[in-house]
PDB file of N, CA and C in Angstrom:
ATOM      1  N   MET A   1      94.309 129.413  77.052  1.00  0.00           N
ATOM      2  CA  MET A   1      93.628 128.133  77.641  1.00  0.00           C
ATOM      3  C   MET A   1      92.083 128.387  77.863  1.00  0.00           C
ATOM      4  N   MET A   2      90.720 127.728  77.634  1.00  0.00           N
ATOM      5  CA  MET A   2      89.958 127.439  78.147  1.00  0.00           C
ATOM      6  C   MET A   2      90.000 127.097  79.207  1.00  0.00           C
ATOM      7  N   THR A   3      88.978 127.703  79.590  1.00  0.00           N
ATOM      8  CA  THR A   3      88.485 128.239  81.157  1.00  0.00           C
ATOM      9  C   THR A   3      86.754 126.740  81.927  1.00  0.00           C
ATOM     10  N   PRO A   4      86.784 125.791  82.663  1.00  0.00           N
ATOM     11  CA  PRO A   4      85.357 124.873  82.579  1.00  0.00           C
ATOM     12  C   PRO A   4      84.003 125.269  81.858  1.00  0.00           C
ATOM     13  N   LYS A   5      83.831 126.339  81.782  1.00  0.00           N
ATOM     14  CA  LYS A   5      82.942 126.890  81.400  1.00  0.00           C
ATOM     15  C   LYS A   5      83.007 126.933  79.898  1.00  0.00           C
ATOM     16  N   GLU A   6      84.219 127.632  78.997  1.00  0.00           N
ATOM     17  CA  GLU A   6      84.580 127.107  77.790  1.00  0.00           C
ATOM     18  C   GLU A   6      84.802 125.940  77.098  1.00  0.00           C
ATOM     19  N   ILE A   7      84.879 124.901  78.129  1.00  0.00           N
ATOM     20  CA  ILE A   7      84.616 123.175  77.465  1.00  0.00           C
ATOM     21  C   ILE A   7      83.726 123.358  77.467  1.00  0.00           C
ATOM     22  N   ILE A   8      82.768 123.535  77.881  1.00  0.00           N
ATOM     23  CA  ILE A   8      81.532 123.081  78.102  1.00  0.00           C
ATOM     24  C   ILE A   8      80.948 123.139  76.411  1.00  0.00           C
ATOM     25  N   GLU A   9      81.485 124.640  76.331  1.00  0.00           N
ATOM     26  CA  GLU A   9      80.609 125.262  75.249  1.00  0.00           C
ATOM     27  C   GLU A   9      81.235 125.069  73.787  1.00  0.00           C
ATOM     28  N   HIS A  10      82.678 124.947  74.145  1.00  0.00           N
ATOM     29  CA  HIS A  10      83.266 124.477  72.868  1.00  0.00           C
ATOM     30  C   HIS A  10      83.014 122.534  73.289  1.00  0.00           C
ATOM     31  N   ARG A  11      82.471 122.167  73.401  1.00  0.00           N
ATOM     32  CA  ARG A  11      81.892 120.606  73.015  1.00  0.00           C
ATOM     33  C   ARG A  11      81.215 120.813  72.365  1.00  0.00           C
ATOM     34  N   ALA A  12      79.846 121.103  72.655  1.00  0.00           N
ATOM     35  CA  ALA A  12      78.889 121.546  71.584  1.00  0.00           C
ATOM     36  C   ALA A  12      78.799 122.498  71.088  1.00  0.00           C
ATOM     37  N   ARG A  13      79.622 122.762  70.747  1.00  0.00           N
ATOM     38  CA  ARG A  13      80.120 123.255  69.051  1.00  0.00           C
ATOM     39  C   ARG A  13      80.437 121.580  68.645  1.00  0.00           C
ATOM     40  N   LEU A  14      82.516 121.555  68.756  1.00  0.00           N
ATOM     41  CA  LEU A  14      81.734 119.931  68.314  1.00  0.00           C
ATOM     42  C   LEU A  14      81.047 118.335  68.061  1.00  0.00           C
ATOM     43  N   TYR A  15      80.031 119.112  68.639  1.00  0.00           N
ATOM     44  CA  TYR A  15      79.060 117.945  68.976  1.00  0.00           C
ATOM     45  C   TYR A  15      77.946 118.192  68.057  1.00  0.00           C
ATOM     46  N   THR A  16      77.893 119.913  67.546  1.00  0.00           N
ATOM     47  CA  THR A  16      77.449 119.765  66.345  1.00  0.00           C
ATOM     48  C   THR A  16      77.719 120.027  65.208  1.00  0.00           C
ATOM     49  N   GLU A  17      79.524 119.710  65.120  1.00  0.00           N
ATOM     50  CA  GLU A  17      80.111 119.789  64.290  1.00  0.00           C
ATOM     51  C   GLU A  17      80.809 117.470  63.846  1.00  0.00           C
ATOM     52  N   LYS A  18      79.957 117.166  64.625  1.00  0.00           N
ATOM     53  CA  LYS A  18      80.290 115.442  64.583  1.00  0.00           C
ATOM     54  C   LYS A  18      81.533 115.306  64.790  1.00  0.00           C
ATOM     55  N   ASN A  19      82.540 115.861  65.755  1.00  0.00           N
ATOM     56  CA  ASN A  19      83.696 115.474  65.740  1.00  0.00           C
ATOM     57  C   ASN A  19      84.451 115.179  67.362  1.00  0.00           C
ATOM     58  N   GLY A  20      84.227 113.914  67.294  1.00  0.00           N
ATOM     59  CA  GLY A  20      84.270 112.853  67.955  1.00  0.00           C
ATOM     60  C   GLY A  20      85.510 112.749  68.766  1.00  0.00           C
ATOM     61  N   GLY A  21      86.893 113.068  68.254  1.00  0.00           N
ATOM     62  CA  GLY A  21      87.939 113.383  68.506  1.00  0.00           C
ATOM     63  C   GLY A  21      87.875 114.321  69.225  1.00  0.00           C
ATOM     64  N   GLY A  22      87.881 115.443  68.369  1.00  0.00           N
ATOM     65  CA  GLY A  22      87.669 115.861  69.471  1.00  0.00           C
ATOM     66  C   GLY A  22      87.300 116.204  71.048  1.00  0.00           C
ATOM     67  N   VAL A  23      86.386 116.264  70.920  1.00  0.00           N
ATOM     68  CA  VAL A  23      85.947 115.763  72.135  1.00  0.00           C
ATOM     69  C   VAL A  23      86.186 114.516  73.425  1.00  0.00           C
ATOM     70  N   TYR A  24      86.637 113.781  72.989  1.00  0.00           N
ATOM     71  CA  TYR A  24      87.649 112.856  73.609  1.00  0.00           C
ATOM     72  C   TYR A  24      88.838 113.268  74.212  1.00  0.00           C
ATOM     73  N   ASP A  25      88.970 114.197  73.435  1.00  0.00           N
ATOM     74  CA  ASP A  25      90.214 114.761  73.950  1.00  0.00           C
ATOM     75  C   ASP A  25      90.631 115.489  74.769  1.00  0.00           C
ATOM     76  N   LEU A  26      89.455 116.360  75.425  1.00  0.00           N
ATOM     77  CA  LEU A  26      88.724 117.157  76.515  1.00  0.00           C
ATOM     78  C   LEU A  26      88.257 116.606  77.521  1.00  0.00           C
ATOM     79  N   TYR A  27      88.841 115.360  77.720  1.00  0.00           N
ATOM     80  CA  TYR A  27      88.779 114.820  78.801  1.00  0.00           C
ATOM     81  C   TYR A  27      90.161 114.201  79.773  1.00  0.00           C
ATOM     82  N   ALA A  28      90.453 114.265  80.727  1.00  0.00           N
ATOM     83  CA  ALA A  28      91.335 113.622  81.230  1.00  0.00           C
ATOM     84  C   ALA A  28      91.143 112.060  81.215  1.00  0.00           C
ATOM     85  N   GLU A  29      93.216 111.645  80.995  1.00  0.00           N
ATOM     86  CA  GLU A  29      93.616 110.526  81.281  1.00  0.00           C
ATOM     87  C   GLU A  29      92.409 109.250  82.427  1.00  0.00           C
ATOM     88  N   SER A  30      92.426 109.648  83.320  1.00  0.00           N
ATOM     89  CA  SER A  30      91.252 108.995  85.166  1.00  0.00           C
ATOM     90  C   SER A  30      89.638 109.385  84.470  1.00  0.00           C
ATOM     91  N   SER A  31      89.441 109.930  83.046  1.00  0.00           N
ATOM     92  CA  SER A  31      88.221 109.610  83.562  1.00  0.00           C
ATOM     93  C   SER A  31      86.996 108.570  83.410  1.00  0.00           C
ATOM     94  N   GLU A  32      85.698 108.395  84.075  1.00  0.00           N
ATOM     95  CA  GLU A  32      84.834 107.892  83.676  1.00  0.00           C
ATOM     96  C   GLU A  32      84.569 107.305  81.727  1.00  0.00           C
ATOM     97  N   LEU A  33      84.962 108.336  81.156  1.00  0.00           N
ATOM     98  CA  LEU A  33      84.723 108.702  80.247  1.00  0.00           C
ATOM     99  C   LEU A  33      85.846 107.258  79.309  1.00  0.00           C
ATOM    100  N   ARG A  34      87.148 107.979  79.404  1.00  0.00           N
ATOM    101  CA  ARG A  34      88.693 107.321  79.052  1.00  0.00           C
ATOM    102  C   ARG A  34      88.705 105.947  78.820  1.00  0.00           C
ATOM    103  N   ARG A  35      88.228 105.464  81.005  1.00  0.00           N
ATOM    104  CA  ARG A  35      88.321 104.263  81.546  1.00  0.00           C
ATOM    105  C   ARG A  35      86.934 103.122  80.508  1.00  0.00           C
ATOM    106  N   PHE A  36      85.929 104.178  80.215  1.00  0.00           N
ATOM    107  CA  PHE A  36      85.229 103.016  79.105  1.00  0.00           C
ATOM    108  C   PHE A  36      85.691 103.059  77.892  1.00  0.00           C
ATOM    109  N   PHE A  37      85.786 103.657  77.677  1.00  0.00           N
ATOM    110  CA  PHE A  37      86.057 103.820  76.001  1.00  0.00           C
ATOM    111  C   PHE A  37      88.012 104.365  75.610  1.00  0.00           C
ATOM    112  N   PRO A  38      88.675 103.149  76.296  1.00  0.00           N
ATOM    113  CA  PRO A  38      90.587 103.701  76.458  1.00  0.00           C
ATOM    114  C   PRO A  38      90.673 103.624  75.162  1.00  0.00           C
ATOM    115  N   ASP A  39      89.897 104.018  73.925  1.00  0.00           N
ATOM    116  CA  ASP A  39      91.017 104.490  72.889  1.00  0.00           C
ATOM    117  C   ASP A  39      90.055 105.881  71.890  1.00  0.00           C
ATOM    118  N   GLU A  40      90.987 106.535  71.127  1.00  0.00           N
ATOM    119  CA  GLU A  40      90.064 107.176  70.780  1.00  0.00           C
ATOM    120  C   GLU A  40      87.892 106.991  69.269  1.00  0.00           C
ATOM    121  N   GLN A  41      89.347 105.133  69.011  1.00  0.00           N
ATOM    122  CA  GLN A  41      88.644 105.095  67.320  1.00  0.00           C
ATOM    123  C   GLN A  41      87.391 104.660  68.547  1.00  0.00           C
ATOM    124  N   SER A  42      86.922 103.422  69.377  1.00  0.00           N
ATOM    125  CA  SER A  42      85.506 103.023  70.421  1.00  0.00           C
ATOM    126  C   SER A  42      85.385 104.294  70.647  1.00  0.00           C
ATOM    127  N   PHE A  43      85.664 105.453  71.259  1.00  0.00           N
ATOM    128  CA  PHE A  43      84.699 106.069  70.875  1.00  0.00           C
ATOM    129  C   PHE A  43      84.256 106.965  70.140  1.00  0.00           C
ATOM    130  N   CYS A  44      84.387 107.072  68.919  1.00  0.00           N
ATOM    131  CA  CYS A  44      84.038 108.222  67.945  1.00  0.00           C
ATOM    132  C   CYS A  44      82.896 107.451  67.281  1.00  0.00           C
ATOM    133  N   THR A  45      83.783 105.839  66.883  1.00  0.00           N
ATOM    134  CA  THR A  45      82.605 104.732  66.748  1.00  0.00           C
ATOM    135  C   THR A  45      81.218 105.510  67.305  1.00  0.00           C
ATOM    136  N   ARG A  46      81.108 105.156  68.769  1.00  0.00           N
ATOM    137  CA  ARG A  46      79.708 105.271  69.633  1.00  0.00           C
ATOM    138  C   ARG A  46      79.478 107.042  68.988  1.00  0.00           C
ATOM    139  N   PHE A  47      80.140 107.626  68.913  1.00  0.00           N
ATOM    140  CA  PHE A  47      80.108 109.386  68.732  1.00  0.00           C
ATOM    141  C   PHE A  47      79.613 109.207  67.773  1.00  0.00           C
ATOM    142  N   ALA A  48      79.846 108.797  67.213  1.00  0.00           N
ATOM    143  CA  ALA A  48      79.199 108.687  65.392  1.00  0.00           C
ATOM    144  C   ALA A  48      77.178 108.237  64.809  1.00  0.00           C
ATOM    145  N   GLU A  49      78.262 107.078  65.929  1.00  0.00           N
ATOM    146  CA  GLU A  49      76.105 106.639  65.917  1.00  0.00           C
ATOM    147  C   GLU A  49      74.770 108.098  66.984  1.00  0.00           C
ATOM    148  N   ILE A  50      75.492 108.600  67.763  1.00  0.00           N
ATOM    149  CA  ILE A  50      74.614 110.015  68.561  1.00  0.00           C
ATOM    150  C   ILE A  50      74.495 110.592  68.060  1.00  0.00           C
ATOM    151  N   VAL A  51      75.417 111.110  67.092  1.00  0.00           N
ATOM    152  CA  VAL A  51      75.043 112.280  66.431  1.00  0.00           C
ATOM    153  C   VAL A  51      74.285 111.693  65.247  1.00  0.00           C
ATOM    154  N   ALA A  52      74.181 110.673  64.932  1.00  0.00           N
ATOM    155  CA  ALA A  52      73.194 110.583  63.239  1.00  0.00           C
ATOM    156  C   ALA A  52      72.532 110.694  64.147  1.00  0.00           C
ATOM    157  N   ALA A  53      71.455 110.237  64.810  1.00  0.00           N
ATOM    158  CA  ALA A  53      70.360 110.550  64.925  1.00  0.00           C
ATOM    159  C   ALA A  53      69.866 111.454  66.209  1.00  0.00           C
ATOM    160  N   SER A  54      70.824 113.102  66.132  1.00  0.00           N
ATOM    161  CA  SER A  54      70.040 113.625  67.095  1.00  0.00           C
ATOM    162  C   SER A  54      70.609 114.918  66.725  1.00  0.00           C
ATOM    163  N   SER A  55      70.886 115.604  67.551  1.00  0.00           N
ATOM    164  CA  SER A  55      71.515 117.476  66.942  1.00  0.00           C
ATOM    165  C   SER A  55      71.395 117.836  68.684  1.00  0.00           C
ATOM    166  N   HIS A  56      71.999 119.248  67.807  1.00  0.00           N
ATOM    167  CA  HIS A  56      72.618 119.855  69.898  1.00  0.00           C
ATOM    168  C   HIS A  56      71.649 121.161  69.418  1.00  0.00           C
ATOM    169  N   ALA A  57      70.981 121.445  70.856  1.00  0.00           N
ATOM    170  CA  ALA A  57      69.925 122.188  69.930  1.00  0.00           C
ATOM    171  C   ALA A  57      69.539 123.343  71.626  1.00  0.00           C
ATOM    172  N   GLY A  58      71.360 123.588  72.123  1.00  0.00           N
ATOM    173  CA  GLY A  58      71.404 124.512  73.351  1.00  0.00           C
ATOM    174  C   GLY A  58      72.121 124.493  73.839  1.00  0.00           C
ATOM    175  N   LEU A  59      72.227 125.635  74.501  1.00  0.00           N
ATOM    176  CA  LEU A  59      73.283 125.417  76.153  1.00  0.00           C
ATOM    177  C   LEU A  59      72.598 126.508  77.327  1.00  0.00           C
ATOM    178  N   ASN A  60      72.220 126.212  78.408  1.00  0.00           N
ATOM    179  CA  ASN A  60      72.534 127.022  79.169  1.00  0.00           C
ATOM    180  C   ASN A  60      73.578 126.906  80.618  1.00  0.00           C
ATOM    181  N   ILE A  61      75.261 127.387  80.480  1.00  0.00           N
ATOM    182  CA  ILE A  61      76.057 127.222  81.831  1.00  0.00           C
ATOM    183  C   ILE A  61      74.582 127.663  83.343  1.00  0.00           C
ATOM    184  N   VAL A  62      74.283 127.649  84.059  1.00  0.00           N
ATOM    185  CA  VAL A  62      73.933 127.825  85.391  1.00  0.00           C
ATOM    186  C   VAL A  62      75.283 128.532  86.327  1.00  0.00           C
ATOM    187  N   LYS A  63      76.018 127.647  86.449  1.00  0.00           N
ATOM    188  CA  LYS A  63      76.658 127.711  87.286  1.00  0.00           C
ATOM    189  C   LYS A  63      78.630 127.265  87.181  1.00  0.00           C
ATOM    190  N   GLU A  64      79.921 128.226  87.644  1.00  0.00           N
ATOM    191  CA  GLU A  64      81.307 127.403  86.766  1.00  0.00           C
ATOM    192  C   GLU A  64      81.888 128.390  88.261  1.00  0.00           C
ATOM    193  N   THR A  65      82.267 126.904  89.376  1.00  0.00           N
ATOM    194  CA  THR A  65      83.857 127.433  90.127  1.00  0.00           C
ATOM    195  C   THR A  65      84.258 126.300  90.491  1.00  0.00           C
ATOM    196  N   VAL A  66      85.202 127.454  90.376  1.00  0.00           N
ATOM    197  CA  VAL A  66      86.885 126.720  89.827  1.00  0.00           C
ATOM    198  C   VAL A  66      87.179 127.334  91.856  1.00  0.00           C
ATOM    199  N   GLN A  67      88.126 125.788  92.338  1.00  0.00           N
ATOM    200  CA  GLN A  67      88.588 125.694  93.610  1.00  0.00           C
ATOM    201  C   GLN A  67      90.315 125.660  93.713  1.00  0.00           C
ATOM    202  N   GLY A  68      91.017 125.749  93.412  1.00  0.00           N
ATOM    203  CA  GLY A  68      93.029 125.432  92.774  1.00  0.00           C
ATOM    204  C   GLY A  68      92.644 124.340  91.663  1.00  0.00           C
ATOM    205  N   LYS A  69      93.209 123.564  91.976  1.00  0.00           N
ATOM    206  CA  LYS A  69      92.585 122.374  90.808  1.00  0.00           C
ATOM    207  C   LYS A  69      92.101 121.782  90.291  1.00  0.00           C
ATOM    208  N   CYS A  70      90.796 121.938  91.040  1.00  0.00           N
ATOM    209  CA  CYS A  70      89.727 121.085  91.040  1.00  0.00           C
ATOM    210  C   CYS A  70      88.008 122.433  90.102  1.00  0.00           C
ATOM    211  N   ALA A  71      87.461 122.513  89.218  1.00  0.00           N
ATOM    212  CA  ALA A  71      86.245 122.895  88.735  1.00  0.00           C
ATOM    213  C   ALA A  71      85.230 121.909  88.552  1.00  0.00           C
ATOM    214  N   GLU A  72      83.584 122.875  88.914  1.00  0.00           N
ATOM    215  CA  GLU A  72      82.959 122.923  88.379  1.00  0.00           C
ATOM    216  C   GLU A  72      81.503 123.573  87.672  1.00  0.00           C
ATOM    217  N   VAL A  73      80.826 122.801  86.701  1.00  0.00           N
ATOM    218  CA  VAL A  73      80.598 123.368  85.560  1.00  0.00           C
ATOM    219  C   VAL A  73      79.174 123.087  85.906  1.00  0.00           C
ATOM    220  N   THR A  74      77.643 123.501  86.064  1.00  0.00           N
ATOM    221  CA  THR A  74      76.343 122.481  86.446  1.00  0.00           C
ATOM    222  C   THR A  74      75.920 123.658  85.083  1.00  0.00           C
ATOM    223  N   PHE A  75      75.091 123.166  84.076  1.00  0.00           N
ATOM    224  CA  PHE A  75      74.677 123.552  82.865  1.00  0.00           C
ATOM    225  C   PHE A  75      73.319 122.581  82.353  1.00  0.00           C
ATOM    226  N   ILE A  76      72.559 123.058  81.546  1.00  0.00           N
ATOM    227  CA  ILE A  76      71.866 122.389  81.122  1.00  0.00           C
ATOM    228  C   ILE A  76      71.468 122.572  79.769  1.00  0.00           C
ATOM    229  N   GLU A  77      71.902 121.124  79.163  1.00  0.00           N
ATOM    230  CA  GLU A  77      71.289 121.147  77.851  1.00  0.00           C
ATOM    231  C   GLU A  77      70.556 120.386  76.602  1.00  0.00           C
ATOM    232  N   TYR A  78      70.201 121.011  75.426  1.00  0.00           N
ATOM    233  CA  TYR A  78      69.461 120.028  75.147  1.00  0.00           C
ATOM    234  C   TYR A  78      69.469 119.821  73.983  1.00  0.00           C
ATOM    235  N   ILE A  79      69.510 117.721  73.847  1.00  0.00           N
ATOM    236  CA  ILE A  79      69.410 117.739  71.935  1.00  0.00           C
ATOM    237  C   ILE A  79      68.237 117.365  72.029  1.00  0.00           C
ATOM    238  N   ALA A  80      67.877 117.353  70.420  1.00  0.00           N
ATOM    239  CA  ALA A  80      66.901 117.311  69.455  1.00  0.00           C
ATOM    240  C   ALA A  80      66.744 116.009  69.056  1.00  0.00           C
ATOM    241  N   VAL A  81      65.805 115.025  68.948  1.00  0.00           N
ATOM    242  CA  VAL A  81      66.055 113.742  67.882  1.00  0.00           C
ATOM    243  C   VAL A  81      64.463 113.074  68.097  1.00  0.00           C
ATOM    244  N   ASP A  82      64.127 113.926  66.473  1.00  0.00           N
ATOM    245  CA  ASP A  82      63.720 113.273  66.112  1.00  0.00           C
ATOM    246  C   ASP A  82      61.827 114.653  66.208  1.00  0.00           C
ATOM    247  N   ASP A  83      63.007 115.751  65.705  1.00  0.00           N
ATOM    248  CA  ASP A  83      61.759 116.887  66.465  1.00  0.00           C
ATOM    249  C   ASP A  83      60.769 116.751  67.912  1.00  0.00           C
ATOM    250  N   LYS A  84      61.856 115.937  69.104  1.00  0.00           N
ATOM    251  CA  LYS A  84      61.172 116.656  69.766  1.00  0.00           C
ATOM    252  C   LYS A  84      62.984 116.957  71.021  1.00  0.00           C
ATOM    253  N   VAL A  85      62.390 117.879  71.838  1.00  0.00           N
ATOM    254  CA  VAL A  85      63.711 118.558  73.117  1.00  0.00           C
ATOM    255  C   VAL A  85      63.862 117.744  73.337  1.00  0.00           C
ATOM    256  N   THR A  86      64.751 117.236  74.196  1.00  0.00           N
ATOM    257  CA  THR A  86      64.980 116.378  75.881  1.00  0.00           C
ATOM    258  C   THR A  86      66.306 117.410  76.651  1.00  0.00           C
ATOM    259  N   SER A  87      66.131 117.857  77.781  1.00  0.00           N
ATOM    260  CA  SER A  87      66.858 118.672  78.374  1.00  0.00           C
ATOM    261  C   SER A  87      67.597 117.648  79.488  1.00  0.00           C
ATOM    262  N   PHE A  88      68.676 118.147  79.601  1.00  0.00           N
ATOM    263  CA  PHE A  88      69.517 117.556  80.748  1.00  0.00           C
ATOM    264  C   PHE A  88      70.178 118.470  81.590  1.00  0.00           C
ATOM    265  N   PHE A  89      69.666 118.204  82.404  1.00  0.00           N
ATOM    266  CA  PHE A  89      70.581 119.269  83.777  1.00  0.00           C
ATOM    267  C   PHE A  89      72.251 117.851  84.012  1.00  0.00           C
ATOM    268  N   SER A  90      73.126 118.511  84.024  1.00  0.00           N
ATOM    269  CA  SER A  90      74.308 118.167  83.641  1.00  0.00           C
ATOM    270  C   SER A  90      75.360 118.405  85.205  1.00  0.00           C
ATOM    271  N   ARG A  91      76.395 117.861  85.288  1.00  0.00           N
ATOM    272  CA  ARG A  91      77.341 118.869  86.401  1.00  0.00           C
ATOM    273  C   ARG A  91      78.719 118.176  85.891  1.00  0.00           C
ATOM    274  N   SER A  92      79.467 118.990  85.300  1.00  0.00           N
ATOM    275  CA  SER A  92      81.241 118.368  84.900  1.00  0.00           C
ATOM    276  C   SER A  92      82.263 118.450  85.830  1.00  0.00           C
ATOM    277  N   ARG A  93      83.194 117.769  85.639  1.00  0.00           N
ATOM    278  CA  ARG A  93      83.973 117.899  87.195  1.00  0.00           C
ATOM    279  C   ARG A  93      85.015 118.249  86.334  1.00  0.00           C
ATOM    280  N   PHE A  94      86.508 119.177  86.707  1.00  0.00           N
ATOM    281  CA  PHE A  94      87.120 119.251  85.987  1.00  0.00           C
ATOM    282  C   PHE A  94      88.371 118.663  87.166  1.00  0.00           C
ATOM    283  N   VAL A  95      89.639 118.372  86.746  1.00  0.00           N
ATOM    284  CA  VAL A  95      90.282 118.870  86.758  1.00  0.00           C
ATOM    285  C   VAL A  95      92.233 118.532  86.523  1.00  0.00           C
ATOM    286  N   PHE A  96      92.624 119.668  86.797  1.00  0.00           N
ATOM    287  CA  PHE A  96      93.227 120.777  85.701  1.00  0.00           C
ATOM    288  C   PHE A  96      95.202 119.902  85.815  1.00  0.00           C
ATOM    289  N   GLU A  97      94.896 119.480  84.523  1.00  0.00           N
ATOM    290  CA  GLU A  97      95.810 118.046  83.907  1.00  0.00           C
ATOM    291  C   GLU A  97      96.561 118.734  82.893  1.00  0.00           C
ATOM    292  N   GLY A  98      98.415 118.639  83.059  1.00  0.00           N
ATOM    293  CA  GLY A  98      99.078 118.975  81.712  1.00  0.00           C
ATOM    294  C   GLY A  98      98.365 119.928  81.008  1.00  0.00           C
ATOM    295  N   GLY A  99      98.346 121.419  82.380  1.00  0.00           N
ATOM    296  CA  GLY A  99      98.799 122.509  81.922  1.00  0.00           C
ATOM    297  C   GLY A  99      97.566 122.881  81.351  1.00  0.00           C
ATOM    298  N   ARG A 100      96.027 122.179  81.436  1.00  0.00           N
ATOM    299  CA  ARG A 100      94.692 122.411  80.987  1.00  0.00           C
ATOM    300  C   ARG A 100      93.523 121.483  81.627  1.00  0.00           C
ATOM    301  N   TRP A 101      92.513 122.419  81.511  1.00  0.00           N
ATOM    302  CA  TRP A 101      91.944 121.852  82.451  1.00  0.00           C
ATOM    303  C   TRP A 101      90.053 120.477  81.379  1.00  0.00           C
ATOM    304  N   ARG A 102      90.409 119.757  81.769  1.00  0.00           N
ATOM    305  CA  ARG A 102      89.986 118.579  81.189  1.00  0.00           C
ATOM    306  C   ARG A 102      89.003 118.737  81.802  1.00  0.00           C
ATOM    307  N   ILE A 103      88.274 117.551  81.189  1.00  0.00           N
ATOM    308  CA  ILE A 103      86.500 116.822  82.004  1.00  0.00           C
ATOM    309  C   ILE A 103      87.195 115.299  82.839  1.00  0.00           C
ATOM    310  N   LEU A 104      87.136 115.458  83.968  1.00  0.00           N
ATOM    311  CA  LEU A 104      86.587 114.428  85.462  1.00  0.00           C
ATOM    312  C   LEU A 104      85.917 113.291  84.977  1.00  0.00           C
ATOM    313  N   ARG A 105      84.548 113.823  85.083  1.00  0.00           N
ATOM    314  CA  ARG A 105      83.147 113.238  85.824  1.00  0.00           C
ATOM    315  C   ARG A 105      82.446 114.628  85.024  1.00  0.00           C
ATOM    316  N   GLU A 106      80.972 113.274  84.999  1.00  0.00           N
ATOM    317  CA  GLU A 106      79.891 114.074  84.618  1.00  0.00           C
ATOM    318  C   GLU A 106      78.113 113.133  85.307  1.00  0.00           C
ATOM    319  N   GLU A 107      77.825 114.107  85.357  1.00  0.00           N
ATOM    320  CA  GLU A 107      76.633 113.452  86.581  1.00  0.00           C
ATOM    321  C   GLU A 107      75.206 114.536  85.155  1.00  0.00           C
ATOM    322  N   ARG A 108      74.313 113.277  84.739  1.00  0.00           N
ATOM    323  CA  ARG A 108      73.000 113.994  84.058  1.00  0.00           C
ATOM    324  C   ARG A 108      71.974 113.600  84.565  1.00  0.00           C
ATOM    325  N   GLU A 109      70.409 114.557  84.754  1.00  0.00           N
ATOM    326  CA  GLU A 109      69.575 113.940  84.851  1.00  0.00           C
ATOM    327  C   GLU A 109      68.721 114.312  83.985  1.00  0.00           C
ATOM    328  N   MET A 110      67.869 113.180  83.520  1.00  0.00           N
ATOM    329  CA  MET A 110      66.979 113.602  82.112  1.00  0.00           C
ATOM    330  C   MET A 110      65.550 114.241  82.347  1.00  0.00           C
ATOM    331  N   SER A 111      65.018 115.370  80.903  1.00  0.00           N
ATOM    332  CA  SER A 111      63.722 116.189  81.681  1.00  0.00           C
ATOM    333  C   SER A 111      63.352 116.185  79.883  1.00  0.00           C
ATOM    334  N   VAL A 112      61.687 115.049  79.969  1.00  0.00           N
ATOM    335  CA  VAL A 112      61.486 115.079  78.456  1.00  0.00           C
ATOM    336  C   VAL A 112      60.278 115.534  79.006  1.00  0.00           C
ATOM    337  N   LYS A 113      60.059 116.319  78.346  1.00  0.00           N
ATOM    338  CA  LYS A 113      59.269 116.825  78.399  1.00  0.00           C
ATOM    339  C   LYS A 113      58.299 116.655  76.896  1.00  0.00           C
TER     340      LYS A 113
END
């Protein structure tokens, strides 16, 4: 079983592999992402558009906190678009569901340099 930190690292690899279905599977049934994209195909269509115009340029895990069936990972993620790298300070909250950790909610702050 992957830890919340490992899930964030895995999601970065899935982004690089352009694997939208794999990314979708990391989210809890009650997550905001699944409420916005109620089926995998609708998410994969949008995900394909995003990854076609960008590439994953790095990840720095800042902190992982686990308390019972809840967890939080803060990290900085770097995304490149047109040779310009944008950093995102992010916080992902997790819930232990169905015998594994899944992403429940995310917050991102963008920093353009």
